[in-house]
C-alpha cells in the first residue's frame, strides 16, 4: 500500500508542467553552479580578456554541437515545437565574437579542452540516439543565456573595456527576441505542450540535471584534474606544458563552414588538433572556465 501511495504521489508530481518540473529538478545542481568561485569573481569584474576568449572558444564548440543536433531533429515532434533558430541559435554570434578576438584565422587558434569535448560528445549522443532529451540541453542553455546572460554582458563589457558598440559580445545579444519575458513564456508553453509519458518526462528531468553538471564539470573537476596532471609532468617557463591528450585545438577545414565535421571526417579533424600553452595560472584558468556554469546558473535563477 505504501508503494502504491508513493507511485501515485510520483505520478501526480510529474503531471506538472515540464518547465516547472525542470526548474524544481535542477534546483540543487543550480545552487552548485551558482556557488562556483567564478560567480563572485566575475560579478566583481575580475576576469581577463585572455580568459574570456578561452571561454568563448569553449562555448563555440558546445553550441556547434547543440545546434547541429537541433537541426538534425528540427522536424522531429519530440523537439520541433521548441525549434527557434532565428531567436536563439548562438553559433553565428560566437563566430562573430571569435573573429573579433582572434582575427580571421580564429578557427586555427581556438582551443577545445577535453572536458568541453565530453560535453560535445554527450550532445551528439543525445541528438542521434535520444532526441527526446535534447529539449533538456536546449532549455538549460538558451533560456539561461537569454536571462542571466544579459547581466553578464554588462559586467564583461565594463570589466574588459570592450566597445560600447557590442564587438566581442554578440553571444549575449539576441536580435531575434524583442521581448525576453514574452518569448520565455512562449518557449515554456511550447515545451509544456510536448507529448511525453511519465517515463520519458523522468528521463528529460535527469538529462536536465546532467546538462547542468556537464557545465560544472567543464569548469571544475575534469579541467582541474587535466591541468593538475600537466603540472605534475613539469612546467616550461612557469606554465604547464600542454599535450594533445589533455587540451586540443581544432584545425577546421572548409567543411566546417557548414557545420561540425562528423564520422571519419571528425576523427581526422580531431587528429589534426595542435598543442597550445595556457598563459594564465591554474586557478585563474579554472575561474575563467567557470563562466560556462555561471551563465546557466544566473539564467536559471532568472527564468
Foldseek 3Di string as FASTA:
>chain_A
DVVVVVVVVLQVVLVDFLVVLLLVLQVVLLVVLCPDPLNVCLLVLNAEPLLLLLLLLLVLLLLLLLVVLCVVCCVPLLCVLLDDCLQFRQNVLSVQLQCLSPNPQSLQPHKHFPLSVVSSVVSNCCSVPPVNLSVLLCCLPRLLLQAQVVVSLVSNCVSHVPDPVQRNNSSSDRPVDPDSVVVVVSSSVSSSPRDDDSVSSVVNSVSNNVSLVSLVCQLPDLLLVLLVVQVVVDDDPPFRFDDLVGMWRFDDDPVCVVGADDDPVNVVRSVPTDGDTDDDDPVSSSSSSSVSSNSSSSSSVRD
